[in-house]
């Protein structure tokens, strides 16, 4: 069984619409590389279009 390798979560900030540095958060390198590999190049969480729709909803 291989040992897990942890890296700073900031390495994956490009996946998020709002990028906030949190160098104290460590994430599983293999898992997050698998997540990134399975997403389209331009994918962002949350999706900016959906976020805009949710923010403009009167009950949002």
PDB file of N, CA and C in Angstrom:
ATOM      1  N   UNK A   1       0.856  -1.183   0.000  1.00  0.00           N
ATOM      2  CA  UNK A   1       0.000   0.000   0.000  1.00  0.00           C
ATOM      3  C   UNK A   1       0.900   1.244   0.000  1.00  0.00           C
ATOM      4  N   UNK A   2       0.624   2.165  -0.895  1.00  0.00           N
ATOM      5  CA  UNK A   2       1.470   3.354  -0.988  1.00  0.00           C
ATOM      6  C   UNK A   2       1.056   4.407   0.037  1.00  0.00           C
ATOM      7  N   UNK A   3       2.039   5.143   0.481  1.00  0.00           N
ATOM      8  CA  UNK A   3       1.807   6.204   1.452  1.00  0.00           C
ATOM      9  C   UNK A   3       1.215   7.422   0.752  1.00  0.00           C
ATOM     10  N   UNK A   4       0.266   8.068   1.398  1.00  0.00           N
ATOM     11  CA  UNK A   4      -0.332   9.278   0.824  1.00  0.00           C
ATOM     12  C   UNK A   4       0.664  10.423   0.885  1.00  0.00           C
ATOM     13  N   UNK A   5       0.619  11.231  -0.160  1.00  0.00           N
ATOM     14  CA  UNK A   5       1.460  12.421  -0.227  1.00  0.00           C
ATOM     15  C   UNK A   5       0.540  13.625  -0.152  1.00  0.00           C
ATOM     16  N   UNK A   6       0.846  14.532   0.747  1.00  0.00           N
ATOM     17  CA  UNK A   6       0.037  15.734   0.918  1.00  0.00           C
ATOM     18  C   UNK A   6       0.804  16.955   0.426  1.00  0.00           C
ATOM     19  N   UNK A   7       0.068  17.843  -0.238  1.00  0.00           N
ATOM     20  CA  UNK A   7       0.644  19.088  -0.757  1.00  0.00           C
ATOM     21  C   UNK A   7      -0.276  20.239  -0.370  1.00  0.00           C
ATOM     22  N   UNK A   8       0.236  21.456  -0.528  1.00  0.00           N
ATOM     23  CA  UNK A   8      -0.599  22.628  -0.229  1.00  0.00           C
ATOM     24  C   UNK A   8      -1.790  22.675  -1.187  1.00  0.00           C
ATOM     25  N   UNK A   9      -2.963  22.906  -0.635  1.00  0.00           N
ATOM     26  CA  UNK A   9      -4.169  23.004  -1.439  1.00  0.00           C
ATOM     27  C   UNK A   9      -4.115  24.137  -2.449  1.00  0.00           C
ATOM     28  N   UNK A  10      -3.271  25.120  -2.199  1.00  0.00           N
ATOM     29  CA  UNK A  10      -3.138  26.260  -3.118  1.00  0.00           C
ATOM     30  C   UNK A  10      -2.746  25.819  -4.528  1.00  0.00           C
ATOM     31  N   UNK A  11      -2.155  24.642  -4.668  1.00  0.00           N
ATOM     32  CA  UNK A  11      -1.778  24.149  -5.995  1.00  0.00           C
ATOM     33  C   UNK A  11      -2.994  23.971  -6.900  1.00  0.00           C
ATOM     34  N   UNK A  12      -4.170  23.881  -6.312  1.00  0.00           N
ATOM     35  CA  UNK A  12      -5.387  23.621  -7.077  1.00  0.00           C
ATOM     36  C   UNK A  12      -6.328  24.823  -7.100  1.00  0.00           C
ATOM     37  N   UNK A  13      -5.831  25.983  -6.696  1.00  0.00           N
ATOM     38  CA  UNK A  13      -6.656  27.197  -6.693  1.00  0.00           C
ATOM     39  C   UNK A  13      -7.231  27.524  -8.059  1.00  0.00           C
ATOM     40  N   UNK A  14      -6.554  27.129  -9.116  1.00  0.00           N
ATOM     41  CA  UNK A  14      -7.040  27.446 -10.465  1.00  0.00           C
ATOM     42  C   UNK A  14      -8.384  26.787 -10.764  1.00  0.00           C
ATOM     43  N   UNK A  15      -8.789  25.820  -9.963  1.00  0.00           N
ATOM     44  CA  UNK A  15     -10.083  25.161 -10.160  1.00  0.00           C
ATOM     45  C   UNK A  15     -11.246  25.972  -9.593  1.00  0.00           C
ATOM     46  N   UNK A  16     -10.951  27.015  -8.853  1.00  0.00           N
ATOM     47  CA  UNK A  16     -11.988  27.761  -8.161  1.00  0.00           C
ATOM     48  C   UNK A  16     -12.152  29.163  -8.730  1.00  0.00           C
ATOM     49  N   UNK A  17     -13.410  29.607  -8.802  1.00  0.00           N
ATOM     50  CA  UNK A  17     -13.720  30.946  -9.309  1.00  0.00           C
ATOM     51  C   UNK A  17     -13.090  32.017  -8.435  1.00  0.00           C
ATOM     52  N   UNK A  18     -13.165  31.831  -7.137  1.00  0.00           N
ATOM     53  CA  UNK A  18     -12.554  32.763  -6.183  1.00  0.00           C
ATOM     54  C   UNK A  18     -11.351  32.041  -5.588  1.00  0.00           C
ATOM     55  N   UNK A  19     -10.184  32.568  -5.865  1.00  0.00           N
ATOM     56  CA  UNK A  19      -8.959  31.914  -5.424  1.00  0.00           C
ATOM     57  C   UNK A  19      -8.427  32.590  -4.165  1.00  0.00           C
ATOM     58  N   UNK A  20      -8.455  31.836  -3.075  1.00  0.00           N
ATOM     59  CA  UNK A  20      -7.991  32.339  -1.782  1.00  0.00           C
ATOM     60  C   UNK A  20      -6.836  31.458  -1.328  1.00  0.00           C
ATOM     61  N   UNK A  21      -5.753  32.079  -0.945  1.00  0.00           N
ATOM     62  CA  UNK A  21      -4.596  31.317  -0.493  1.00  0.00           C
ATOM     63  C   UNK A  21      -4.807  30.832   0.938  1.00  0.00           C
ATOM     64  N   UNK A  22      -4.653  29.532   1.119  1.00  0.00           N
ATOM     65  CA  UNK A  22      -4.712  28.904   2.438  1.00  0.00           C
ATOM     66  C   UNK A  22      -3.581  27.883   2.523  1.00  0.00           C
ATOM     67  N   UNK A  23      -2.349  28.349   2.639  1.00  0.00           N
ATOM     68  CA  UNK A  23      -1.215  27.420   2.601  1.00  0.00           C
ATOM     69  C   UNK A  23      -1.206  26.398   3.735  1.00  0.00           C
ATOM     70  N   UNK A  24      -1.982  26.642   4.764  1.00  0.00           N
ATOM     71  CA  UNK A  24      -2.016  25.696   5.883  1.00  0.00           C
ATOM     72  C   UNK A  24      -2.855  24.453   5.585  1.00  0.00           C
ATOM     73  N   UNK A  25      -3.670  24.487   4.529  1.00  0.00           N
ATOM     74  CA  UNK A  25      -4.493  23.333   4.160  1.00  0.00           C
ATOM     75  C   UNK A  25      -3.707  22.407   3.256  1.00  0.00           C
ATOM     76  N   UNK A  26      -3.599  21.160   3.674  1.00  0.00           N
ATOM     77  CA  UNK A  26      -2.918  20.147   2.881  1.00  0.00           C
ATOM     78  C   UNK A  26      -3.952  19.196   2.296  1.00  0.00           C
ATOM     79  N   UNK A  27      -3.729  18.791   1.052  1.00  0.00           N
ATOM     80  CA  UNK A  27      -4.670  17.903   0.370  1.00  0.00           C
ATOM     81  C   UNK A  27      -3.917  16.703  -0.201  1.00  0.00           C
ATOM     82  N   UNK A  28      -4.664  15.646  -0.436  1.00  0.00           N
ATOM     83  CA  UNK A  28      -4.108  14.420  -1.004  1.00  0.00           C
ATOM     84  C   UNK A  28      -3.724  14.667  -2.466  1.00  0.00           C
ATOM     85  N   UNK A  29      -2.440  14.608  -2.763  1.00  0.00           N
ATOM     86  CA  UNK A  29      -1.907  14.922  -4.089  1.00  0.00           C
ATOM     87  C   UNK A  29      -2.514  14.031  -5.177  1.00  0.00           C
ATOM     88  N   UNK A  30      -2.539  12.740  -4.957  1.00  0.00           N
ATOM     89  CA  UNK A  30      -3.052  11.799  -5.962  1.00  0.00           C
ATOM     90  C   UNK A  30      -4.537  12.037  -6.226  1.00  0.00           C
ATOM     91  N   UNK A  31      -5.311  12.190  -5.174  1.00  0.00           N
ATOM     92  CA  UNK A  31      -6.750  12.404  -5.320  1.00  0.00           C
ATOM     93  C   UNK A  31      -7.050  13.683  -6.094  1.00  0.00           C
ATOM     94  N   UNK A  32      -6.410  14.793  -5.719  1.00  0.00           N
ATOM     95  CA  UNK A  32      -6.697  16.067  -6.382  1.00  0.00           C
ATOM     96  C   UNK A  32      -6.179  16.097  -7.815  1.00  0.00           C
ATOM     97  N   UNK A  33      -5.117  15.365  -8.111  1.00  0.00           N
ATOM     98  CA  UNK A  33      -4.681  15.266  -9.505  1.00  0.00           C
ATOM     99  C   UNK A  33      -5.687  14.470 -10.328  1.00  0.00           C
ATOM    100  N   UNK A  34      -6.293  13.446  -9.732  1.00  0.00           N
ATOM    101  CA  UNK A  34      -7.339  12.685 -10.424  1.00  0.00           C
ATOM    102  C   UNK A  34      -8.554  13.570 -10.677  1.00  0.00           C
ATOM    103  N   UNK A  35      -8.923  14.366  -9.691  1.00  0.00           N
ATOM    104  CA  UNK A  35     -10.056  15.281  -9.855  1.00  0.00           C
ATOM    105  C   UNK A  35      -9.768  16.251 -10.988  1.00  0.00           C
ATOM    106  N   UNK A  36      -8.604  16.875 -10.954  1.00  0.00           N
ATOM    107  CA  UNK A  36      -8.250  17.867 -11.980  1.00  0.00           C
ATOM    108  C   UNK A  36      -8.195  17.225 -13.366  1.00  0.00           C
ATOM    109  N   UNK A  37      -7.666  16.022 -13.467  1.00  0.00           N
ATOM    110  CA  UNK A  37      -7.550  15.335 -14.754  1.00  0.00           C
ATOM    111  C   UNK A  37      -8.918  15.004 -15.349  1.00  0.00           C
ATOM    112  N   UNK A  38      -9.922  14.839 -14.488  1.00  0.00           N
ATOM    113  CA  UNK A  38     -11.255  14.492 -14.963  1.00  0.00           C
ATOM    114  C   UNK A  38     -12.126  15.676 -15.333  1.00  0.00           C
ATOM    115  N   UNK A  39     -11.612  16.879 -15.176  1.00  0.00           N
ATOM    116  CA  UNK A  39     -12.392  18.089 -15.453  1.00  0.00           C
ATOM    117  C   UNK A  39     -11.922  18.756 -16.739  1.00  0.00           C
ATOM    118  N   UNK A  40     -12.841  19.440 -17.439  1.00  0.00           N
ATOM    119  CA  UNK A  40     -12.422  20.215 -18.614  1.00  0.00           C
ATOM    120  C   UNK A  40     -11.440  21.315 -18.197  1.00  0.00           C
ATOM    121  N   UNK A  41     -10.590  21.739 -19.126  1.00  0.00           N
ATOM    122  CA  UNK A  41      -9.565  22.746 -18.824  1.00  0.00           C
ATOM    123  C   UNK A  41     -10.137  24.041 -18.268  1.00  0.00           C
ATOM    124  N   UNK A  42     -11.310  24.435 -18.727  1.00  0.00           N
ATOM    125  CA  UNK A  42     -11.881  25.726 -18.315  1.00  0.00           C
ATOM    126  C   UNK A  42     -12.875  25.596 -17.160  1.00  0.00           C
ATOM    127  N   UNK A  43     -12.936  24.445 -16.511  1.00  0.00           N
ATOM    128  CA  UNK A  43     -13.897  24.226 -15.428  1.00  0.00           C
ATOM    129  C   UNK A  43     -13.498  25.013 -14.186  1.00  0.00           C
ATOM    130  N   UNK A  44     -14.486  25.636 -13.559  1.00  0.00           N
ATOM    131  CA  UNK A  44     -14.282  26.365 -12.305  1.00  0.00           C
ATOM    132  C   UNK A  44     -15.413  26.028 -11.335  1.00  0.00           C
ATOM    133  N   UNK A  45     -15.095  25.966 -10.043  1.00  0.00           N
ATOM    134  CA  UNK A  45     -16.093  25.714  -9.004  1.00  0.00           C
ATOM    135  C   UNK A  45     -16.220  26.958  -8.140  1.00  0.00           C
ATOM    136  N   UNK A  46     -17.364  27.447  -7.795  1.00  0.00           N
ATOM    137  CA  UNK A  46     -18.598  27.129  -8.507  1.00  0.00           C
ATOM    138  C   UNK A  46     -18.564  27.768  -9.888  1.00  0.00           C
ATOM    139  N   UNK A  47     -19.351  27.203 -10.766  1.00  0.00           N
ATOM    140  CA  UNK A  47     -19.440  27.718 -12.125  1.00  0.00           C
ATOM    141  C   UNK A  47     -19.893  29.176 -12.078  1.00  0.00           C
ATOM    142  N   UNK A  48     -19.152  30.109 -12.686  1.00  0.00           N
ATOM    143  CA  UNK A  48     -19.493  31.536 -12.598  1.00  0.00           C
ATOM    144  C   UNK A  48     -20.893  31.871 -13.112  1.00  0.00           C
ATOM    145  N   UNK A  49     -21.347  31.203 -14.152  1.00  0.00           N
ATOM    146  CA  UNK A  49     -22.686  31.483 -14.689  1.00  0.00           C
ATOM    147  C   UNK A  49     -23.749  31.065 -13.683  1.00  0.00           C
ATOM    148  N   UNK A  50     -23.618  29.879 -13.139  1.00  0.00           N
ATOM    149  CA  UNK A  50     -24.585  29.394 -12.144  1.00  0.00           C
ATOM    150  C   UNK A  50     -24.518  30.256 -10.888  1.00  0.00           C
ATOM    151  N   UNK A  51     -23.329  30.634 -10.471  1.00  0.00           N
ATOM    152  CA  UNK A  51     -23.181  31.491  -9.292  1.00  0.00           C
ATOM    153  C   UNK A  51     -23.889  32.818  -9.494  1.00  0.00           C
ATOM    154  N   UNK A  52     -23.774  33.388 -10.687  1.00  0.00           N
ATOM    155  CA  UNK A  52     -24.450  34.651 -10.988  1.00  0.00           C
ATOM    156  C   UNK A  52     -25.970  34.481 -10.905  1.00  0.00           C
ATOM    157  N   UNK A  53     -26.477  33.390 -11.453  1.00  0.00           N
ATOM    158  CA  UNK A  53     -27.921  33.121 -11.403  1.00  0.00           C
ATOM    159  C   UNK A  53     -28.374  32.988  -9.951  1.00  0.00           C
ATOM    160  N   UNK A  54     -27.638  32.241  -9.156  1.00  0.00           N
ATOM    161  CA  UNK A  54     -28.004  32.062  -7.749  1.00  0.00           C
ATOM    162  C   UNK A  54     -27.948  33.375  -6.980  1.00  0.00           C
ATOM    163  N   UNK A  55     -26.935  34.188  -7.248  1.00  0.00           N
ATOM    164  CA  UNK A  55     -26.800  35.466  -6.547  1.00  0.00           C
ATOM    165  C   UNK A  55     -27.882  36.460  -6.933  1.00  0.00           C
ATOM    166  N   UNK A  56     -28.433  36.350  -8.131  1.00  0.00           N
ATOM    167  CA  UNK A  56     -29.453  37.303  -8.562  1.00  0.00           C
ATOM    168  C   UNK A  56     -30.869  36.835  -8.221  1.00  0.00           C
ATOM    169  N   UNK A  57     -30.993  35.642  -7.655  1.00  0.00           N
ATOM    170  CA  UNK A  57     -32.311  35.142  -7.244  1.00  0.00           C
ATOM    171  C   UNK A  57     -32.737  35.890  -5.980  1.00  0.00           C
ATOM    172  N   UNK A  58     -34.010  36.335  -5.910  1.00  0.00           N
ATOM    173  CA  UNK A  58     -34.451  37.141  -4.758  1.00  0.00           C
ATOM    174  C   UNK A  58     -34.302  36.441  -3.405  1.00  0.00           C
ATOM    175  N   UNK A  59     -34.360  35.124  -3.373  1.00  0.00           N
ATOM    176  CA  UNK A  59     -34.234  34.402  -2.101  1.00  0.00           C
ATOM    177  C   UNK A  59     -32.811  33.913  -1.861  1.00  0.00           C
ATOM    178  N   UNK A  60     -31.875  34.310  -2.745  1.00  0.00           N
ATOM    179  CA  UNK A  60     -30.489  33.823  -2.658  1.00  0.00           C
ATOM    180  C   UNK A  60     -29.776  34.471  -1.560  1.00  0.00           C
TER     181      UNK A  60
END
